[in-house]
mmCIF file of all heavy atoms, coordinates in Angstrom:
data_MODEL
# 
_entry.id   MODEL 
# 
loop_
_atom_site.group_PDB 
_atom_site.id 
_atom_site.type_symbol 
_atom_site.label_atom_id 
_atom_site.label_alt_id 
_atom_site.label_comp_id 
_atom_site.label_asym_id 
_atom_site.label_entity_id 
_atom_site.label_seq_id 
_atom_site.pdbx_PDB_ins_code 
_atom_site.Cartn_x 
_atom_site.Cartn_y 
_atom_site.Cartn_z 
_atom_site.occupancy 
_atom_site.B_iso_or_equiv 
_atom_site.pdbx_formal_charge 
_atom_site.auth_seq_id 
_atom_site.auth_comp_id 
_atom_site.auth_asym_id 
_atom_site.auth_atom_id 
_atom_site.pdbx_PDB_model_num 
ATOM 1   N N   . GLY A 1 1  ? 0.874  -1.201 0.010  1.00 0.00 ? 1  GLY A N   1 
ATOM 2   C CA  . GLY A 1 1  ? 0.024  0.054  -0.135 1.00 0.00 ? 1  GLY A CA  1 
ATOM 3   C C   . GLY A 1 1  ? 0.875  1.260  -0.080 1.00 0.00 ? 1  GLY A C   1 
ATOM 4   O O   . GLY A 1 1  ? 2.079  1.304  -0.410 1.00 0.00 ? 1  GLY A O   1 
ATOM 5   N N   . CYS A 1 2  ? 0.308  2.419  0.571  1.00 0.00 ? 2  CYS A N   1 
ATOM 6   C CA  . CYS A 1 2  ? 1.008  3.605  0.597  1.00 0.00 ? 2  CYS A CA  1 
ATOM 7   C C   . CYS A 1 2  ? 2.136  3.745  1.512  1.00 0.00 ? 2  CYS A C   1 
ATOM 8   O O   . CYS A 1 2  ? 2.089  3.025  2.584  1.00 0.00 ? 2  CYS A O   1 
ATOM 9   C CB  . CYS A 1 2  ? 0.063  4.725  0.847  1.00 0.00 ? 2  CYS A CB  1 
ATOM 10  S SG  . CYS A 1 2  ? 0.809  6.364  0.868  1.00 0.00 ? 2  CYS A SG  1 
ATOM 11  N N   . CYS A 1 3  ? 3.213  4.264  1.156  1.00 0.00 ? 3  CYS A N   1 
ATOM 12  C CA  . CYS A 1 3  ? 4.345  4.322  2.025  1.00 0.00 ? 3  CYS A CA  1 
ATOM 13  C C   . CYS A 1 3  ? 4.189  5.420  3.163  1.00 0.00 ? 3  CYS A C   1 
ATOM 14  O O   . CYS A 1 3  ? 4.865  5.390  4.123  1.00 0.00 ? 3  CYS A O   1 
ATOM 15  C CB  . CYS A 1 3  ? 5.643  4.754  1.196  1.00 0.00 ? 3  CYS A CB  1 
ATOM 16  S SG  . CYS A 1 3  ? 5.658  6.509  0.672  1.00 0.00 ? 3  CYS A SG  1 
ATOM 17  N N   . GLY A 1 4  ? 3.081  6.286  2.997  1.00 0.00 ? 4  GLY A N   1 
ATOM 18  C CA  . GLY A 1 4  ? 2.908  7.330  3.861  1.00 0.00 ? 4  GLY A CA  1 
ATOM 19  C C   . GLY A 1 4  ? 3.404  8.583  3.727  1.00 0.00 ? 4  GLY A C   1 
ATOM 20  O O   . GLY A 1 4  ? 2.958  9.644  4.266  1.00 0.00 ? 4  GLY A O   1 
ATOM 21  N N   . MET A 1 5  ? 4.242  8.786  2.675  1.00 0.00 ? 5  MET A N   1 
ATOM 22  C CA  . MET A 1 5  ? 4.906  10.137 2.406  1.00 0.00 ? 5  MET A CA  1 
ATOM 23  C C   . MET A 1 5  ? 3.959  10.918 1.453  1.00 0.00 ? 5  MET A C   1 
ATOM 24  O O   . MET A 1 5  ? 3.722  12.086 1.930  1.00 0.00 ? 5  MET A O   1 
ATOM 25  C CB  . MET A 1 5  ? 6.314  9.878  1.659  1.00 0.00 ? 5  MET A CB  1 
ATOM 26  C CG  . MET A 1 5  ? 6.946  11.206 1.406  1.00 0.00 ? 5  MET A CG  1 
ATOM 27  S SD  . MET A 1 5  ? 7.339  12.175 2.933  1.00 0.00 ? 5  MET A SD  1 
ATOM 28  C CE  . MET A 1 5  ? 8.595  11.295 3.650  1.00 0.00 ? 5  MET A CE  1 
ATOM 29  N N   . ALA A 1 6  ? 3.380  10.482 0.549  1.00 0.00 ? 6  ALA A N   1 
ATOM 30  C CA  . ALA A 1 6  ? 2.400  11.202 -0.299 1.00 0.00 ? 6  ALA A CA  1 
ATOM 31  C C   . ALA A 1 6  ? 2.776  12.453 -0.683 1.00 0.00 ? 6  ALA A C   1 
ATOM 32  O O   . ALA A 1 6  ? 2.376  13.631 -0.200 1.00 0.00 ? 6  ALA A O   1 
ATOM 33  C CB  . ALA A 1 6  ? 1.056  11.230 0.573  1.00 0.00 ? 6  ALA A CB  1 
ATOM 34  N N   . GLY A 1 7  ? 3.934  12.692 -1.445 1.00 0.00 ? 7  GLY A N   1 
ATOM 35  C CA  . GLY A 1 7  ? 4.462  13.951 -1.821 1.00 0.00 ? 7  GLY A CA  1 
ATOM 36  C C   . GLY A 1 7  ? 5.087  14.525 -0.654 1.00 0.00 ? 7  GLY A C   1 
ATOM 37  O O   . GLY A 1 7  ? 6.041  13.932 -0.127 1.00 0.00 ? 7  GLY A O   1 
ATOM 38  N N   . SER A 1 8  ? 4.726  15.677 -0.297 1.00 0.00 ? 8  SER A N   1 
ATOM 39  C CA  . SER A 1 8  ? 5.379  16.441 0.895  1.00 0.00 ? 8  SER A CA  1 
ATOM 40  C C   . SER A 1 8  ? 4.524  16.181 2.206  1.00 0.00 ? 8  SER A C   1 
ATOM 41  O O   . SER A 1 8  ? 4.942  16.652 3.224  1.00 0.00 ? 8  SER A O   1 
ATOM 42  C CB  . SER A 1 8  ? 5.344  17.937 0.593  1.00 0.00 ? 8  SER A CB  1 
ATOM 43  O OG  . SER A 1 8  ? 4.081  18.518 0.465  1.00 0.00 ? 8  SER A OG  1 
ATOM 44  N N   . PHE A 1 9  ? 3.404  15.424 2.165  1.00 0.00 ? 9  PHE A N   1 
ATOM 45  C CA  . PHE A 1 9  ? 2.452  15.246 3.266  1.00 0.00 ? 9  PHE A CA  1 
ATOM 46  C C   . PHE A 1 9  ? 3.488  14.737 4.472  1.00 0.00 ? 9  PHE A C   1 
ATOM 47  O O   . PHE A 1 9  ? 3.220  15.290 5.654  1.00 0.00 ? 9  PHE A O   1 
ATOM 48  C CB  . PHE A 1 9  ? 1.697  14.103 2.872  1.00 0.00 ? 9  PHE A CB  1 
ATOM 49  C CG  . PHE A 1 9  ? 0.618  13.794 4.069  1.00 0.00 ? 9  PHE A CG  1 
ATOM 50  C CD1 . PHE A 1 9  ? -0.496 14.491 4.206  1.00 0.00 ? 9  PHE A CD1 1 
ATOM 51  C CD2 . PHE A 1 9  ? 0.922  12.548 4.831  1.00 0.00 ? 9  PHE A CD2 1 
ATOM 52  C CE1 . PHE A 1 9  ? -1.325 13.985 5.309  1.00 0.00 ? 9  PHE A CE1 1 
ATOM 53  C CE2 . PHE A 1 9  ? 0.005  12.175 5.880  1.00 0.00 ? 9  PHE A CE2 1 
ATOM 54  C CZ  . PHE A 1 9  ? -1.187 12.954 6.088  1.00 0.00 ? 9  PHE A CZ  1 
ATOM 55  N N   . GLY A 1 10 ? 4.188  13.795 4.456  1.00 0.00 ? 10 GLY A N   1 
ATOM 56  C CA  . GLY A 1 10 ? 4.932  13.263 5.484  1.00 0.00 ? 10 GLY A CA  1 
ATOM 57  C C   . GLY A 1 10 ? 6.016  14.216 6.010  1.00 0.00 ? 10 GLY A C   1 
ATOM 58  O O   . GLY A 1 10 ? 6.469  13.959 7.143  1.00 0.00 ? 10 GLY A O   1 
ATOM 59  N N   . TYR A 1 11 ? 6.458  15.213 5.239  1.00 0.00 ? 11 TYR A N   1 
ATOM 60  C CA  . TYR A 1 11 ? 7.322  16.105 5.699  1.00 0.00 ? 11 TYR A CA  1 
ATOM 61  C C   . TYR A 1 11 ? 6.778  17.330 6.583  1.00 0.00 ? 11 TYR A C   1 
ATOM 62  O O   . TYR A 1 11 ? 7.416  18.061 7.284  1.00 0.00 ? 11 TYR A O   1 
ATOM 63  C CB  . TYR A 1 11 ? 8.176  16.817 4.556  1.00 0.00 ? 11 TYR A CB  1 
ATOM 64  C CG  . TYR A 1 11 ? 9.197  15.916 3.958  1.00 0.00 ? 11 TYR A CG  1 
ATOM 65  C CD1 . TYR A 1 11 ? 9.109  15.414 2.678  1.00 0.00 ? 11 TYR A CD1 1 
ATOM 66  C CD2 . TYR A 1 11 ? 10.226 15.391 4.683  1.00 0.00 ? 11 TYR A CD2 1 
ATOM 67  C CE1 . TYR A 1 11 ? 9.989  14.613 2.156  1.00 0.00 ? 11 TYR A CE1 1 
ATOM 68  C CE2 . TYR A 1 11 ? 11.248 14.521 4.120  1.00 0.00 ? 11 TYR A CE2 1 
ATOM 69  C CZ  . TYR A 1 11 ? 11.090 13.929 2.846  1.00 0.00 ? 11 TYR A CZ  1 
ATOM 70  O OH  . TYR A 1 11 ? 11.951 13.235 2.360  1.00 0.00 ? 11 TYR A OH  1 
ATOM 71  N N   . GLU A 1 12 ? 5.409  17.404 6.345  1.00 0.00 ? 12 GLU A N   1 
ATOM 72  C CA  . GLU A 1 12 ? 4.753  18.412 7.167  1.00 0.00 ? 12 GLU A CA  1 
ATOM 73  C C   . GLU A 1 12 ? 4.574  18.090 8.590  1.00 0.00 ? 12 GLU A C   1 
ATOM 74  O O   . GLU A 1 12 ? 4.111  16.853 8.981  1.00 0.00 ? 12 GLU A O   1 
ATOM 75  C CB  . GLU A 1 12 ? 3.320  18.663 6.488  1.00 0.00 ? 12 GLU A CB  1 
ATOM 76  C CG  . GLU A 1 12 ? 3.471  19.194 5.098  1.00 0.00 ? 12 GLU A CG  1 
ATOM 77  C CD  . GLU A 1 12 ? 2.129  19.142 4.311  1.00 0.00 ? 12 GLU A CD  1 
ATOM 78  O OE1 . GLU A 1 12 ? 1.064  18.680 4.887  1.00 0.00 ? 12 GLU A OE1 1 
ATOM 79  O OE2 . GLU A 1 12 ? 2.184  19.604 3.140  1.00 0.00 ? 12 GLU A OE2 1 
ATOM 80  N N   . LYS A 1 13 ? 4.939  18.975 9.496  1.00 0.00 ? 13 LYS A N   1 
ATOM 81  C CA  . LYS A 1 13 ? 5.054  18.696 10.933 1.00 0.00 ? 13 LYS A CA  1 
ATOM 82  C C   . LYS A 1 13 ? 3.792  18.020 11.456 1.00 0.00 ? 13 LYS A C   1 
ATOM 83  O O   . LYS A 1 13 ? 3.821  17.015 12.121 1.00 0.00 ? 13 LYS A O   1 
ATOM 84  C CB  . LYS A 1 13 ? 5.331  19.889 11.572 1.00 0.00 ? 13 LYS A CB  1 
ATOM 85  C CG  . LYS A 1 13 ? 5.544  19.767 13.204 1.00 0.00 ? 13 LYS A CG  1 
ATOM 86  C CD  . LYS A 1 13 ? 5.907  21.102 13.802 1.00 0.00 ? 13 LYS A CD  1 
ATOM 87  C CE  . LYS A 1 13 ? 6.079  20.811 15.338 1.00 0.00 ? 13 LYS A CE  1 
ATOM 88  N NZ  . LYS A 1 13 ? 6.518  21.955 16.019 1.00 0.00 ? 13 LYS A NZ  1 
ATOM 89  N N   . GLU A 1 14 ? 2.610  18.599 11.126 1.00 0.00 ? 14 GLU A N   1 
ATOM 90  C CA  . GLU A 1 14 ? 1.340  17.990 11.522 1.00 0.00 ? 14 GLU A CA  1 
ATOM 91  C C   . GLU A 1 14 ? 0.939  16.592 11.026 1.00 0.00 ? 14 GLU A C   1 
ATOM 92  O O   . GLU A 1 14 ? 0.022  15.908 11.556 1.00 0.00 ? 14 GLU A O   1 
ATOM 93  C CB  . GLU A 1 14 ? 0.207  19.006 11.344 1.00 0.00 ? 14 GLU A CB  1 
ATOM 94  C CG  . GLU A 1 14 ? -0.090 19.263 9.878  1.00 0.00 ? 14 GLU A CG  1 
ATOM 95  C CD  . GLU A 1 14 ? 0.721  20.346 9.142  1.00 0.00 ? 14 GLU A CD  1 
ATOM 96  O OE1 . GLU A 1 14 ? 1.769  20.812 9.674  1.00 0.00 ? 14 GLU A OE1 1 
ATOM 97  O OE2 . GLU A 1 14 ? 0.200  20.859 8.103  1.00 0.00 ? 14 GLU A OE2 1 
ATOM 98  N N   . HIS A 1 15 ? 1.712  16.157 9.963  1.00 0.00 ? 15 HIS A N   1 
ATOM 99  C CA  . HIS A 1 15 ? 1.467  14.765 9.332  1.00 0.00 ? 15 HIS A CA  1 
ATOM 100 C C   . HIS A 1 15 ? 2.469  13.885 9.489  1.00 0.00 ? 15 HIS A C   1 
ATOM 101 O O   . HIS A 1 15 ? 2.385  12.660 9.186  1.00 0.00 ? 15 HIS A O   1 
ATOM 102 C CB  . HIS A 1 15 ? 1.081  15.006 7.878  1.00 0.00 ? 15 HIS A CB  1 
ATOM 103 C CG  . HIS A 1 15 ? -0.047 15.866 7.548  1.00 0.00 ? 15 HIS A CG  1 
ATOM 104 N ND1 . HIS A 1 15 ? 0.087  16.984 6.716  1.00 0.00 ? 15 HIS A ND1 1 
ATOM 105 C CD2 . HIS A 1 15 ? -1.276 15.944 8.044  1.00 0.00 ? 15 HIS A CD2 1 
ATOM 106 C CE1 . HIS A 1 15 ? -1.039 17.601 6.598  1.00 0.00 ? 15 HIS A CE1 1 
ATOM 107 N NE2 . HIS A 1 15 ? -1.918 17.001 7.495  1.00 0.00 ? 15 HIS A NE2 1 
ATOM 108 N N   . ALA A 1 16 ? 3.696  14.188 10.185 1.00 0.00 ? 16 ALA A N   1 
ATOM 109 C CA  . ALA A 1 16 ? 4.937  13.331 10.213 1.00 0.00 ? 16 ALA A CA  1 
ATOM 110 C C   . ALA A 1 16 ? 4.646  12.091 10.852 1.00 0.00 ? 16 ALA A C   1 
ATOM 111 O O   . ALA A 1 16 ? 4.869  10.982 10.439 1.00 0.00 ? 16 ALA A O   1 
ATOM 112 C CB  . ALA A 1 16 ? 5.912  14.089 10.829 1.00 0.00 ? 16 ALA A CB  1 
ATOM 113 N N   . ASP A 1 17 ? 3.919  12.189 12.143 1.00 0.00 ? 17 ASP A N   1 
ATOM 114 C CA  . ASP A 1 17 ? 3.657  10.914 12.810 1.00 0.00 ? 17 ASP A CA  1 
ATOM 115 C C   . ASP A 1 17 ? 2.633  10.009 12.109 1.00 0.00 ? 17 ASP A C   1 
ATOM 116 O O   . ASP A 1 17 ? 2.866  8.821  12.093 1.00 0.00 ? 17 ASP A O   1 
ATOM 117 C CB  . ASP A 1 17 ? 3.030  11.278 14.214 1.00 0.00 ? 17 ASP A CB  1 
ATOM 118 C CG  . ASP A 1 17 ? 4.034  11.881 15.032 1.00 0.00 ? 17 ASP A CG  1 
ATOM 119 O OD1 . ASP A 1 17 ? 5.292  11.685 14.974 1.00 0.00 ? 17 ASP A OD1 1 
ATOM 120 O OD2 . ASP A 1 17 ? 3.670  12.564 16.107 1.00 0.00 ? 17 ASP A OD2 1 
ATOM 121 N N   . LEU A 1 18 ? 1.658  10.451 11.478 1.00 0.00 ? 18 LEU A N   1 
ATOM 122 C CA  . LEU A 1 18 ? 0.737  9.781  10.655 1.00 0.00 ? 18 LEU A CA  1 
ATOM 123 C C   . LEU A 1 18 ? 1.479  9.073  9.461  1.00 0.00 ? 18 LEU A C   1 
ATOM 124 O O   . LEU A 1 18 ? 1.272  7.908  9.180  1.00 0.00 ? 18 LEU A O   1 
ATOM 125 C CB  . LEU A 1 18 ? -0.428 10.659 10.179 1.00 0.00 ? 18 LEU A CB  1 
ATOM 126 C CG  . LEU A 1 18 ? -1.436 9.766  9.319  1.00 0.00 ? 18 LEU A CG  1 
ATOM 127 C CD1 . LEU A 1 18 ? -2.047 8.582  9.982  1.00 0.00 ? 18 LEU A CD1 1 
ATOM 128 C CD2 . LEU A 1 18 ? -2.568 10.794 8.837  1.00 0.00 ? 18 LEU A CD2 1 
ATOM 129 N N   . SER A 1 19 ? 2.259  9.826  8.995  1.00 0.00 ? 19 SER A N   1 
ATOM 130 C CA  . SER A 1 19 ? 3.149  9.279  7.740  1.00 0.00 ? 19 SER A CA  1 
ATOM 131 C C   . SER A 1 19 ? 4.039  8.096  8.131  1.00 0.00 ? 19 SER A C   1 
ATOM 132 O O   . SER A 1 19 ? 3.913  6.916  7.514  1.00 0.00 ? 19 SER A O   1 
ATOM 133 C CB  . SER A 1 19 ? 4.002  10.423 7.185  1.00 0.00 ? 19 SER A CB  1 
ATOM 134 O OG  . SER A 1 19 ? 4.880  9.874  6.214  1.00 0.00 ? 19 SER A OG  1 
ATOM 135 N N   . LYS A 1 20 ? 4.609  8.126  9.274  1.00 0.00 ? 20 LYS A N   1 
ATOM 136 C CA  . LYS A 1 20 ? 5.423  7.164  9.799  1.00 0.00 ? 20 LYS A CA  1 
ATOM 137 C C   . LYS A 1 20 ? 4.510  5.895  10.231 1.00 0.00 ? 20 LYS A C   1 
ATOM 138 O O   . LYS A 1 20 ? 5.003  4.806  10.016 1.00 0.00 ? 20 LYS A O   1 
ATOM 139 C CB  . LYS A 1 20 ? 6.307  7.597  11.064 1.00 0.00 ? 20 LYS A CB  1 
ATOM 140 C CG  . LYS A 1 20 ? 7.368  8.495  10.532 1.00 0.00 ? 20 LYS A CG  1 
ATOM 141 C CD  . LYS A 1 20 ? 8.063  9.083  11.753 1.00 0.00 ? 20 LYS A CD  1 
ATOM 142 C CE  . LYS A 1 20 ? 9.039  10.218 11.334 1.00 0.00 ? 20 LYS A CE  1 
ATOM 143 N NZ  . LYS A 1 20 ? 9.681  10.974 12.483 1.00 0.00 ? 20 LYS A NZ  1 
ATOM 144 N N   . LYS A 1 21 ? 3.393  6.305  10.776 1.00 0.00 ? 21 LYS A N   1 
ATOM 145 C CA  . LYS A 1 21 ? 2.454  5.113  11.243 1.00 0.00 ? 21 LYS A CA  1 
ATOM 146 C C   . LYS A 1 21 ? 1.941  4.331  9.879  1.00 0.00 ? 21 LYS A C   1 
ATOM 147 O O   . LYS A 1 21 ? 1.953  3.076  10.019 1.00 0.00 ? 21 LYS A O   1 
ATOM 148 C CB  . LYS A 1 21 ? 1.296  5.732  11.958 1.00 0.00 ? 21 LYS A CB  1 
ATOM 149 C CG  . LYS A 1 21 ? 0.290  4.733  12.439 1.00 0.00 ? 21 LYS A CG  1 
ATOM 150 C CD  . LYS A 1 21 ? -0.794 5.391  13.378 1.00 0.00 ? 21 LYS A CD  1 
ATOM 151 C CE  . LYS A 1 21 ? -1.753 4.313  13.789 1.00 0.00 ? 21 LYS A CE  1 
ATOM 152 N NZ  . LYS A 1 21 ? -2.881 4.937  14.487 1.00 0.00 ? 21 LYS A NZ  1 
ATOM 153 N N   . ILE A 1 22 ? 1.670  5.077  8.787  1.00 0.00 ? 22 ILE A N   1 
ATOM 154 C CA  . ILE A 1 22 ? 1.270  4.381  7.712  1.00 0.00 ? 22 ILE A CA  1 
ATOM 155 C C   . ILE A 1 22 ? 2.320  3.473  7.122  1.00 0.00 ? 22 ILE A C   1 
ATOM 156 O O   . ILE A 1 22 ? 2.176  2.389  6.748  1.00 0.00 ? 22 ILE A O   1 
ATOM 157 C CB  . ILE A 1 22 ? 0.865  5.421  6.541  1.00 0.00 ? 22 ILE A CB  1 
ATOM 158 C CG1 . ILE A 1 22 ? -0.459 6.101  7.003  1.00 0.00 ? 22 ILE A CG1 1 
ATOM 159 C CG2 . ILE A 1 22 ? 0.599  4.768  5.193  1.00 0.00 ? 22 ILE A CG2 1 
ATOM 160 C CD1 . ILE A 1 22 ? -0.782 7.397  6.207  1.00 0.00 ? 22 ILE A CD1 1 
ATOM 161 N N   . ALA A 1 23 ? 3.565  4.064  7.096  1.00 0.00 ? 23 ALA A N   1 
ATOM 162 C CA  . ALA A 1 23 ? 4.789  3.210  6.595  1.00 0.00 ? 23 ALA A CA  1 
ATOM 163 C C   . ALA A 1 23 ? 4.913  1.992  7.515  1.00 0.00 ? 23 ALA A C   1 
ATOM 164 O O   . ALA A 1 23 ? 5.301  0.913  6.994  1.00 0.00 ? 23 ALA A O   1 
ATOM 165 C CB  . ALA A 1 23 ? 6.004  4.209  6.499  1.00 0.00 ? 23 ALA A CB  1 
ATOM 166 N N   . GLY A 1 24 ? 4.632  2.150  8.699  1.00 0.00 ? 24 GLY A N   1 
ATOM 167 C CA  . GLY A 1 24 ? 4.898  1.018  9.691  1.00 0.00 ? 24 GLY A CA  1 
ATOM 168 C C   . GLY A 1 24 ? 3.830  0.004  9.662  1.00 0.00 ? 24 GLY A C   1 
ATOM 169 O O   . GLY A 1 24 ? 4.097  -1.012 10.269 1.00 0.00 ? 24 GLY A O   1 
# 
């Protein structure tokens, strides 16, 4: 599935934890 980054989404402070959770 998705790596969680989604362009710049995972770099945005408010989304970083969610991005890592998706990757995990």
